[in-house]
Amino acid sequence: MRYAELLLIDAEANIEWDGGDLKRAQNDINQVRQRVKMPKITTLDRAELRSALRYERTVELCDEGFRWFDIRRWKMSDGRALAEKVMNGPQYAPGFKDIISNAKPTIDENWTVSYNTSDTWDGKAFNLRTLINLYYQPGKDELWPLPDREIRTNAAIGQENQNPGY
């Protein structure tokens, strides 16, 4: 676990908790940004701090295995799980060898990327390929199943305690 991750966990807790210390969250994010000489964030608005935190987690913890869990944990401004947007539908990959993508991305306040397949930089056919189609299931995909071994060996846990959908 890196110090930057601990700072971002603390910042997120203070942003999401109604009684959280937004100044402390701001300071935590700024400590992470200071290391790479990024400008300080100056806002104390909860929504703006949330967006700044999500950006920092996206870039600071890139390729460390956190993004999947962040997307499943975070909510959009309308209260729905962010995963309902990000993990439903096609997941794109670059075109084939020697092809530069003409896809025009849209990046939202949660720092997630989406594409309108009819809107490209050059007006030609969208050239990203569909890697996989994901289907997010609310009520199930927020949780992992309890391990069968735990259910069988712990008398206090019965199959009736298994998380929904498993």
N, C-alpha and C. Protein backbone atom coordinates (compact mmCIF):
# COMPACT_ATOMS: atom_id res chain seq x y z
N MET A 1 0.86 -1.17 0.00
CA MET A 1 0.00 0.00 0.00
C MET A 1 0.90 1.24 0.00
N ARG A 2 0.60 2.14 -0.90
CA ARG A 2 1.41 3.36 -1.00
C ARG A 2 0.78 4.49 -0.19
N TYR A 3 1.61 5.44 0.20
CA TYR A 3 1.13 6.59 0.97
C TYR A 3 0.08 7.37 0.19
N ALA A 4 0.28 7.52 -1.13
CA ALA A 4 -0.69 8.25 -1.95
C ALA A 4 -2.06 7.57 -1.89
N GLU A 5 -2.08 6.25 -1.89
CA GLU A 5 -3.36 5.54 -1.79
C GLU A 5 -4.03 5.84 -0.45
N LEU A 6 -3.27 5.85 0.63
CA LEU A 6 -3.84 6.14 1.94
C LEU A 6 -4.42 7.55 1.99
N LEU A 7 -3.70 8.50 1.40
CA LEU A 7 -4.21 9.87 1.35
C LEU A 7 -5.52 9.95 0.58
N LEU A 8 -5.59 9.24 -0.55
CA LEU A 8 -6.81 9.28 -1.36
C LEU A 8 -7.97 8.55 -0.68
N ILE A 9 -7.68 7.51 0.07
CA ILE A 9 -8.73 6.82 0.84
C ILE A 9 -9.28 7.78 1.90
N ASP A 10 -8.39 8.47 2.60
CA ASP A 10 -8.81 9.43 3.62
C ASP A 10 -9.62 10.56 3.00
N ALA A 11 -9.17 11.06 1.85
CA ALA A 11 -9.89 12.14 1.17
C ALA A 11 -11.29 11.68 0.77
N GLU A 12 -11.38 10.47 0.22
CA GLU A 12 -12.69 9.97 -0.20
C GLU A 12 -13.63 9.81 0.98
N ALA A 13 -13.12 9.30 2.08
CA ALA A 13 -13.95 9.14 3.28
C ALA A 13 -14.49 10.49 3.74
N ASN A 14 -13.67 11.50 3.74
CA ASN A 14 -14.11 12.83 4.19
C ASN A 14 -15.07 13.48 3.20
N ILE A 15 -14.92 13.19 1.93
CA ILE A 15 -15.84 13.75 0.93
C ILE A 15 -17.20 13.07 1.01
N GLU A 16 -17.21 11.76 1.14
CA GLU A 16 -18.48 11.01 1.10
C GLU A 16 -19.24 11.04 2.42
N TRP A 17 -18.57 11.25 3.52
CA TRP A 17 -19.23 11.30 4.81
C TRP A 17 -19.84 12.68 4.99
N ASP A 18 -21.12 12.74 5.36
CA ASP A 18 -21.80 14.03 5.52
C ASP A 18 -21.09 14.95 6.52
N GLY A 19 -20.49 14.38 7.55
CA GLY A 19 -19.78 15.18 8.53
C GLY A 19 -18.29 15.28 8.25
N GLY A 20 -17.88 14.90 7.05
CA GLY A 20 -16.47 14.86 6.70
C GLY A 20 -15.82 16.23 6.64
N ASP A 21 -14.53 16.25 6.82
CA ASP A 21 -13.73 17.47 6.81
C ASP A 21 -13.24 17.72 5.38
N LEU A 22 -13.92 18.62 4.67
CA LEU A 22 -13.60 18.88 3.27
C LEU A 22 -12.23 19.55 3.13
N LYS A 23 -11.82 20.33 4.10
CA LYS A 23 -10.49 20.96 4.07
C LYS A 23 -9.41 19.88 4.15
N ARG A 24 -9.64 18.88 4.98
CA ARG A 24 -8.69 17.76 5.10
C ARG A 24 -8.64 16.98 3.79
N ALA A 25 -9.80 16.75 3.17
CA ALA A 25 -9.84 16.06 1.88
C ALA A 25 -9.05 16.83 0.83
N GLN A 26 -9.27 18.14 0.82
CA GLN A 26 -8.54 19.00 -0.12
C GLN A 26 -7.04 18.87 0.11
N ASN A 27 -6.62 18.92 1.36
CA ASN A 27 -5.20 18.81 1.70
C ASN A 27 -4.63 17.45 1.28
N ASP A 28 -5.37 16.36 1.51
CA ASP A 28 -4.92 15.03 1.10
C ASP A 28 -4.69 14.97 -0.40
N ILE A 29 -5.64 15.46 -1.18
CA ILE A 29 -5.50 15.45 -2.64
C ILE A 29 -4.32 16.31 -3.07
N ASN A 30 -4.17 17.47 -2.44
CA ASN A 30 -3.06 18.36 -2.80
C ASN A 30 -1.69 17.76 -2.48
N GLN A 31 -1.61 16.96 -1.43
CA GLN A 31 -0.34 16.29 -1.12
C GLN A 31 0.05 15.33 -2.24
N VAL A 32 -0.94 14.63 -2.77
CA VAL A 32 -0.67 13.70 -3.87
C VAL A 32 -0.25 14.49 -5.12
N ARG A 33 -0.94 15.58 -5.39
CA ARG A 33 -0.66 16.40 -6.57
C ARG A 33 0.70 17.10 -6.46
N GLN A 34 1.07 17.51 -5.25
CA GLN A 34 2.32 18.25 -5.03
C GLN A 34 3.53 17.41 -5.44
N ARG A 35 3.48 16.11 -5.21
CA ARG A 35 4.61 15.24 -5.52
C ARG A 35 4.99 15.30 -7.00
N VAL A 36 3.99 15.50 -7.86
CA VAL A 36 4.27 15.56 -9.31
C VAL A 36 4.14 16.99 -9.84
N LYS A 37 4.17 17.95 -8.91
CA LYS A 37 4.16 19.37 -9.25
C LYS A 37 2.92 19.81 -10.03
N MET A 38 1.78 19.22 -9.66
CA MET A 38 0.49 19.64 -10.22
C MET A 38 -0.02 20.81 -9.38
N PRO A 39 -0.80 21.71 -9.99
CA PRO A 39 -1.34 22.83 -9.20
C PRO A 39 -2.31 22.34 -8.13
N LYS A 40 -2.37 23.10 -7.06
CA LYS A 40 -3.28 22.76 -5.97
C LYS A 40 -4.73 22.95 -6.40
N ILE A 41 -5.61 22.12 -5.82
CA ILE A 41 -7.03 22.37 -6.00
C ILE A 41 -7.44 23.34 -4.90
N THR A 42 -8.32 24.27 -5.23
CA THR A 42 -8.67 25.32 -4.27
C THR A 42 -10.11 25.23 -3.80
N THR A 43 -10.91 24.39 -4.42
CA THR A 43 -12.33 24.32 -4.09
C THR A 43 -12.58 23.56 -2.79
N LEU A 44 -13.65 23.92 -2.12
CA LEU A 44 -14.14 23.16 -0.98
C LEU A 44 -15.56 22.66 -1.25
N ASP A 45 -15.99 22.76 -2.50
CA ASP A 45 -17.30 22.25 -2.90
C ASP A 45 -17.23 20.72 -2.97
N ARG A 46 -18.17 20.05 -2.32
CA ARG A 46 -18.16 18.58 -2.23
C ARG A 46 -18.15 17.91 -3.61
N ALA A 47 -19.00 18.36 -4.53
CA ALA A 47 -19.07 17.74 -5.86
C ALA A 47 -17.76 17.94 -6.62
N GLU A 48 -17.18 19.14 -6.51
CA GLU A 48 -15.92 19.40 -7.20
C GLU A 48 -14.77 18.61 -6.58
N LEU A 49 -14.77 18.48 -5.26
CA LEU A 49 -13.74 17.66 -4.60
C LEU A 49 -13.90 16.19 -5.01
N ARG A 50 -15.14 15.72 -5.11
CA ARG A 50 -15.39 14.34 -5.53
C ARG A 50 -14.82 14.11 -6.93
N SER A 51 -15.06 15.04 -7.84
CA SER A 51 -14.53 14.91 -9.19
C SER A 51 -13.00 14.94 -9.19
N ALA A 52 -12.41 15.82 -8.39
CA ALA A 52 -10.95 15.91 -8.29
C ALA A 52 -10.37 14.62 -7.72
N LEU A 53 -11.02 14.07 -6.71
CA LEU A 53 -10.57 12.82 -6.10
C LEU A 53 -10.62 11.69 -7.13
N ARG A 54 -11.71 11.62 -7.88
CA ARG A 54 -11.85 10.54 -8.86
C ARG A 54 -10.81 10.65 -9.95
N TYR A 55 -10.48 11.87 -10.32
CA TYR A 55 -9.41 12.06 -11.30
C TYR A 55 -8.08 11.56 -10.71
N GLU A 56 -7.79 11.98 -9.49
CA GLU A 56 -6.52 11.59 -8.87
C GLU A 56 -6.41 10.08 -8.72
N ARG A 57 -7.49 9.43 -8.32
CA ARG A 57 -7.44 7.96 -8.20
C ARG A 57 -7.22 7.33 -9.57
N THR A 58 -7.84 7.90 -10.59
CA THR A 58 -7.69 7.35 -11.94
C THR A 58 -6.24 7.43 -12.42
N VAL A 59 -5.59 8.57 -12.23
CA VAL A 59 -4.23 8.73 -12.76
C VAL A 59 -3.15 8.25 -11.78
N GLU A 60 -3.35 8.46 -10.50
CA GLU A 60 -2.32 8.09 -9.52
C GLU A 60 -2.24 6.58 -9.34
N LEU A 61 -3.38 5.91 -9.38
CA LEU A 61 -3.41 4.47 -9.12
C LEU A 61 -3.57 3.66 -10.40
N CYS A 62 -3.27 4.28 -11.52
CA CYS A 62 -3.38 3.64 -12.83
C CYS A 62 -2.57 2.34 -12.84
N ASP A 63 -3.16 1.29 -13.37
CA ASP A 63 -2.51 -0.02 -13.52
C ASP A 63 -2.16 -0.68 -12.18
N GLU A 64 -2.81 -0.27 -11.10
CA GLU A 64 -2.56 -0.91 -9.81
C GLU A 64 -3.76 -1.74 -9.36
N GLY A 65 -4.78 -1.85 -10.22
CA GLY A 65 -5.90 -2.75 -9.93
C GLY A 65 -7.03 -2.16 -9.12
N PHE A 66 -7.11 -0.83 -9.02
CA PHE A 66 -8.16 -0.21 -8.21
C PHE A 66 -9.36 0.24 -9.01
N ARG A 67 -9.18 0.53 -10.28
CA ARG A 67 -10.23 1.17 -11.09
C ARG A 67 -11.51 0.36 -11.12
N TRP A 68 -11.42 -0.93 -11.31
CA TRP A 68 -12.59 -1.81 -11.37
C TRP A 68 -13.43 -1.66 -10.09
N PHE A 69 -12.77 -1.65 -8.96
CA PHE A 69 -13.47 -1.55 -7.68
C PHE A 69 -14.01 -0.14 -7.45
N ASP A 70 -13.27 0.87 -7.89
CA ASP A 70 -13.76 2.24 -7.77
C ASP A 70 -15.05 2.41 -8.56
N ILE A 71 -15.07 1.93 -9.77
CA ILE A 71 -16.25 2.07 -10.63
C ILE A 71 -17.45 1.37 -10.00
N ARG A 72 -17.24 0.24 -9.39
CA ARG A 72 -18.35 -0.49 -8.77
C ARG A 72 -18.83 0.18 -7.48
N ARG A 73 -17.95 0.92 -6.82
CA ARG A 73 -18.28 1.55 -5.54
C ARG A 73 -18.91 2.93 -5.70
N TRP A 74 -18.49 3.67 -6.69
CA TRP A 74 -18.91 5.06 -6.83
C TRP A 74 -20.32 5.19 -7.38
N LYS A 75 -20.97 6.28 -7.00
CA LYS A 75 -22.30 6.63 -7.49
C LYS A 75 -22.19 7.83 -8.42
N MET A 76 -23.14 7.91 -9.36
CA MET A 76 -23.24 9.09 -10.22
C MET A 76 -24.06 10.15 -9.49
N SER A 77 -24.13 11.34 -10.05
CA SER A 77 -24.85 12.43 -9.40
C SER A 77 -26.34 12.13 -9.23
N ASP A 78 -26.90 11.24 -10.05
CA ASP A 78 -28.32 10.88 -9.92
C ASP A 78 -28.55 9.74 -8.93
N GLY A 79 -27.47 9.27 -8.27
CA GLY A 79 -27.59 8.23 -7.25
C GLY A 79 -27.40 6.81 -7.77
N ARG A 80 -27.42 6.62 -9.09
CA ARG A 80 -27.21 5.28 -9.64
C ARG A 80 -25.72 4.93 -9.55
N ALA A 81 -25.46 3.64 -9.51
CA ALA A 81 -24.07 3.19 -9.50
C ALA A 81 -23.38 3.59 -10.80
N LEU A 82 -22.17 4.09 -10.69
CA LEU A 82 -21.40 4.45 -11.89
C LEU A 82 -21.22 3.24 -12.79
N ALA A 83 -21.15 2.07 -12.18
CA ALA A 83 -20.98 0.84 -12.96
C ALA A 83 -22.12 0.62 -13.95
N GLU A 84 -23.32 1.12 -13.64
CA GLU A 84 -24.44 0.96 -14.57
C GLU A 84 -24.14 1.64 -15.89
N LYS A 85 -23.36 2.71 -15.87
CA LYS A 85 -22.98 3.41 -17.09
C LYS A 85 -21.74 2.79 -17.72
N VAL A 86 -20.72 2.58 -16.92
CA VAL A 86 -19.41 2.17 -17.43
C VAL A 86 -19.36 0.69 -17.81
N MET A 87 -20.04 -0.14 -17.04
CA MET A 87 -19.92 -1.58 -17.23
C MET A 87 -21.13 -2.18 -17.93
N ASN A 88 -21.86 -1.40 -18.68
CA ASN A 88 -22.97 -1.90 -19.48
C ASN A 88 -22.69 -1.59 -20.93
N GLY A 89 -22.61 -2.60 -21.74
CA GLY A 89 -22.41 -2.38 -23.16
C GLY A 89 -21.00 -2.67 -23.61
N PRO A 90 -20.66 -2.21 -24.81
CA PRO A 90 -19.37 -2.58 -25.39
C PRO A 90 -18.19 -1.90 -24.70
N GLN A 91 -17.13 -2.66 -24.59
CA GLN A 91 -15.85 -2.15 -24.13
C GLN A 91 -14.94 -2.19 -25.35
N TYR A 92 -14.39 -1.04 -25.70
CA TYR A 92 -13.65 -0.92 -26.95
C TYR A 92 -12.16 -1.11 -26.77
N ALA A 93 -11.54 -1.56 -27.84
CA ALA A 93 -10.09 -1.72 -27.91
C ALA A 93 -9.62 -0.99 -29.16
N PRO A 94 -8.33 -0.65 -29.20
CA PRO A 94 -7.83 0.01 -30.42
C PRO A 94 -8.07 -0.86 -31.64
N GLY A 95 -8.10 -0.19 -32.78
CA GLY A 95 -8.24 -0.92 -34.04
C GLY A 95 -7.05 -1.84 -34.22
N PHE A 96 -6.95 -2.39 -35.36
CA PHE A 96 -5.88 -3.34 -35.61
C PHE A 96 -4.57 -2.64 -35.89
N LYS A 97 -3.52 -3.39 -36.09
CA LYS A 97 -2.17 -2.88 -36.27
C LYS A 97 -2.11 -1.76 -37.31
N ASP A 98 -1.36 -0.73 -36.99
CA ASP A 98 -1.11 0.41 -37.87
C ASP A 98 -2.36 1.25 -38.16
N ILE A 99 -3.35 1.17 -37.31
CA ILE A 99 -4.56 1.99 -37.47
C ILE A 99 -4.63 2.94 -36.29
N ILE A 100 -4.74 4.21 -36.56
CA ILE A 100 -4.89 5.21 -35.51
C ILE A 100 -6.39 5.43 -35.32
N SER A 101 -6.80 5.43 -34.08
CA SER A 101 -8.23 5.57 -33.78
C SER A 101 -8.76 6.94 -34.22
N ASN A 102 -9.95 6.93 -34.77
CA ASN A 102 -10.63 8.17 -35.12
C ASN A 102 -11.79 8.44 -34.16
N ALA A 103 -11.88 7.62 -33.11
CA ALA A 103 -12.98 7.74 -32.15
C ALA A 103 -12.84 9.03 -31.34
N LYS A 104 -13.94 9.73 -31.18
CA LYS A 104 -13.95 10.97 -30.41
C LYS A 104 -14.52 10.66 -29.03
N PRO A 105 -13.67 10.65 -28.01
CA PRO A 105 -14.16 10.29 -26.68
C PRO A 105 -14.90 11.44 -25.99
N THR A 106 -15.80 11.07 -25.10
CA THR A 106 -16.44 12.01 -24.19
C THR A 106 -16.02 11.59 -22.79
N ILE A 107 -15.51 12.53 -22.00
CA ILE A 107 -15.07 12.24 -20.64
C ILE A 107 -15.97 13.02 -19.69
N ASP A 108 -16.59 12.31 -18.75
CA ASP A 108 -17.53 12.96 -17.84
C ASP A 108 -16.88 13.37 -16.52
N GLU A 109 -17.69 13.87 -15.58
CA GLU A 109 -17.17 14.37 -14.31
C GLU A 109 -16.59 13.26 -13.43
N ASN A 110 -16.86 12.00 -13.77
CA ASN A 110 -16.31 10.86 -13.03
C ASN A 110 -15.07 10.30 -13.71
N TRP A 111 -14.62 10.98 -14.77
CA TRP A 111 -13.43 10.60 -15.52
C TRP A 111 -13.60 9.26 -16.19
N THR A 112 -14.81 8.99 -16.66
CA THR A 112 -15.05 7.79 -17.45
C THR A 112 -15.22 8.20 -18.91
N VAL A 113 -14.78 7.34 -19.78
CA VAL A 113 -14.79 7.62 -21.21
C VAL A 113 -15.94 6.88 -21.87
N SER A 114 -16.63 7.56 -22.78
CA SER A 114 -17.66 6.91 -23.59
C SER A 114 -17.50 7.40 -25.02
N TYR A 115 -18.11 6.67 -25.95
CA TYR A 115 -18.00 7.00 -27.37
C TYR A 115 -19.38 6.99 -28.01
N ASN A 116 -19.59 7.92 -28.91
CA ASN A 116 -20.73 7.90 -29.80
C ASN A 116 -20.17 7.39 -31.12
N THR A 117 -20.57 6.19 -31.52
CA THR A 117 -19.94 5.55 -32.68
C THR A 117 -20.21 6.28 -34.00
N SER A 118 -21.14 7.23 -34.01
CA SER A 118 -21.39 7.99 -35.24
C SER A 118 -20.64 9.33 -35.25
N ASP A 119 -19.88 9.61 -34.18
CA ASP A 119 -19.14 10.87 -34.09
C ASP A 119 -17.64 10.58 -34.05
N THR A 120 -16.94 10.86 -35.16
CA THR A 120 -15.51 10.60 -35.23
C THR A 120 -14.77 11.88 -35.59
N TRP A 121 -13.47 11.89 -35.37
CA TRP A 121 -12.65 13.07 -35.65
C TRP A 121 -12.59 13.37 -37.15
N ASP A 122 -12.59 12.33 -37.96
CA ASP A 122 -12.41 12.53 -39.40
C ASP A 122 -13.67 12.33 -40.24
N GLY A 123 -14.81 12.03 -39.59
CA GLY A 123 -16.05 11.84 -40.33
C GLY A 123 -16.17 10.47 -40.99
N LYS A 124 -15.15 9.64 -40.86
CA LYS A 124 -15.19 8.28 -41.43
C LYS A 124 -15.80 7.32 -40.42
N ALA A 125 -15.96 6.08 -40.84
CA ALA A 125 -16.55 5.05 -39.97
C ALA A 125 -15.72 4.87 -38.70
N PHE A 126 -16.40 4.73 -37.58
CA PHE A 126 -15.80 4.48 -36.26
C PHE A 126 -14.90 3.26 -36.37
N ASN A 127 -13.63 3.38 -35.95
CA ASN A 127 -12.71 2.27 -36.17
C ASN A 127 -12.17 1.59 -34.91
N LEU A 128 -12.80 1.81 -33.77
CA LEU A 128 -12.44 1.00 -32.61
C LEU A 128 -13.18 -0.33 -32.74
N ARG A 129 -12.59 -1.37 -32.22
CA ARG A 129 -13.28 -2.66 -32.28
C ARG A 129 -13.85 -2.99 -30.90
N THR A 130 -14.95 -3.69 -30.90
CA THR A 130 -15.57 -4.11 -29.65
C THR A 130 -14.79 -5.29 -29.10
N LEU A 131 -14.26 -5.11 -27.92
CA LEU A 131 -13.46 -6.16 -27.28
C LEU A 131 -14.39 -7.14 -26.57
N ILE A 132 -15.34 -6.60 -25.83
CA ILE A 132 -16.27 -7.43 -25.06
C ILE A 132 -17.50 -6.58 -24.74
N ASN A 133 -18.63 -7.23 -24.53
CA ASN A 133 -19.82 -6.55 -24.03
C ASN A 133 -19.99 -6.94 -22.58
N LEU A 134 -20.10 -5.95 -21.72
CA LEU A 134 -20.31 -6.19 -20.29
C LEU A 134 -21.76 -5.94 -19.93
N TYR A 135 -22.23 -6.63 -18.92
CA TYR A 135 -23.60 -6.45 -18.44
C TYR A 135 -23.56 -6.34 -16.93
N TYR A 136 -23.85 -5.17 -16.44
CA TYR A 136 -23.86 -4.89 -15.00
C TYR A 136 -25.24 -5.26 -14.45
N GLN A 137 -25.27 -5.97 -13.34
CA GLN A 137 -26.52 -6.40 -12.73
C GLN A 137 -26.68 -5.75 -11.36
N PRO A 138 -27.47 -4.66 -11.27
CA PRO A 138 -27.67 -4.02 -9.97
C PRO A 138 -28.23 -5.02 -8.95
N GLY A 139 -27.77 -4.91 -7.72
CA GLY A 139 -28.22 -5.82 -6.68
C GLY A 139 -27.36 -7.06 -6.56
N LYS A 140 -26.54 -7.32 -7.57
CA LYS A 140 -25.66 -8.49 -7.54
C LYS A 140 -24.20 -8.07 -7.68
N ASP A 141 -23.91 -7.25 -8.66
CA ASP A 141 -22.52 -6.97 -9.00
C ASP A 141 -21.80 -6.02 -8.05
N GLU A 142 -22.50 -5.48 -7.05
CA GLU A 142 -21.83 -4.63 -6.07
C GLU A 142 -21.05 -5.48 -5.07
N LEU A 143 -21.42 -6.75 -4.96
CA LEU A 143 -20.83 -7.64 -3.97
C LEU A 143 -20.25 -8.88 -4.63
N TRP A 144 -19.29 -9.49 -3.98
CA TRP A 144 -18.76 -10.76 -4.45
C TRP A 144 -19.47 -11.87 -3.68
N PRO A 145 -19.44 -13.08 -4.20
CA PRO A 145 -20.05 -14.18 -3.44
C PRO A 145 -19.22 -14.51 -2.21
N LEU A 146 -19.90 -14.97 -1.16
CA LEU A 146 -19.16 -15.50 -0.02
C LEU A 146 -18.55 -16.82 -0.46
N PRO A 147 -17.30 -17.07 -0.14
CA PRO A 147 -16.67 -18.33 -0.56
C PRO A 147 -17.41 -19.54 0.01
N ASP A 148 -17.63 -20.53 -0.85
CA ASP A 148 -18.33 -21.75 -0.45
C ASP A 148 -17.63 -22.40 0.74
N ARG A 149 -16.31 -22.34 0.77
CA ARG A 149 -15.54 -22.93 1.86
C ARG A 149 -15.90 -22.27 3.19
N GLU A 150 -16.10 -20.95 3.19
CA GLU A 150 -16.47 -20.25 4.42
C GLU A 150 -17.87 -20.66 4.87
N ILE A 151 -18.77 -20.80 3.93
CA ILE A 151 -20.15 -21.20 4.27
C ILE A 151 -20.16 -22.61 4.86
N ARG A 152 -19.36 -23.52 4.29
CA ARG A 152 -19.33 -24.90 4.77
C ARG A 152 -18.62 -25.06 6.11
N THR A 153 -17.61 -24.23 6.39
CA THR A 153 -16.82 -24.43 7.61
C THR A 153 -17.21 -23.52 8.77
N ASN A 154 -18.02 -22.51 8.53
CA ASN A 154 -18.41 -21.59 9.59
C ASN A 154 -19.89 -21.80 9.89
N ALA A 155 -20.17 -22.32 11.06
CA ALA A 155 -21.56 -22.63 11.43
C ALA A 155 -22.44 -21.39 11.51
N ALA A 156 -21.84 -20.23 11.73
CA ALA A 156 -22.61 -18.99 11.84
C ALA A 156 -23.06 -18.46 10.47
N ILE A 157 -22.49 -19.01 9.40
CA ILE A 157 -22.85 -18.56 8.06
C ILE A 157 -23.57 -19.71 7.36
N GLY A 158 -24.77 -19.47 6.94
CA GLY A 158 -25.49 -20.48 6.18
C GLY A 158 -25.66 -20.02 4.74
N GLN A 159 -26.11 -20.92 3.89
CA GLN A 159 -26.32 -20.58 2.48
C GLN A 159 -27.30 -19.42 2.34
N GLU A 160 -28.22 -19.28 3.31
CA GLU A 160 -29.19 -18.18 3.27
C GLU A 160 -28.52 -16.81 3.44
N ASN A 161 -27.27 -16.79 3.91
CA ASN A 161 -26.52 -15.54 4.08
C ASN A 161 -25.70 -15.17 2.85
N GLN A 162 -25.76 -16.01 1.83
CA GLN A 162 -24.99 -15.73 0.60
C GLN A 162 -25.49 -14.42 -0.02
N ASN A 163 -24.59 -13.67 -0.59
CA ASN A 163 -24.95 -12.41 -1.24
C ASN A 163 -25.93 -12.66 -2.40
N PRO A 164 -26.81 -11.72 -2.67
CA PRO A 164 -27.84 -11.92 -3.70
C PRO A 164 -27.24 -12.23 -5.07
N GLY A 165 -27.89 -13.14 -5.78
CA GLY A 165 -27.49 -13.46 -7.14
C GLY A 165 -26.47 -14.58 -7.25
N TYR A 166 -26.00 -15.11 -6.11
CA TYR A 166 -25.00 -16.18 -6.17
C TYR A 166 -25.56 -17.46 -5.60
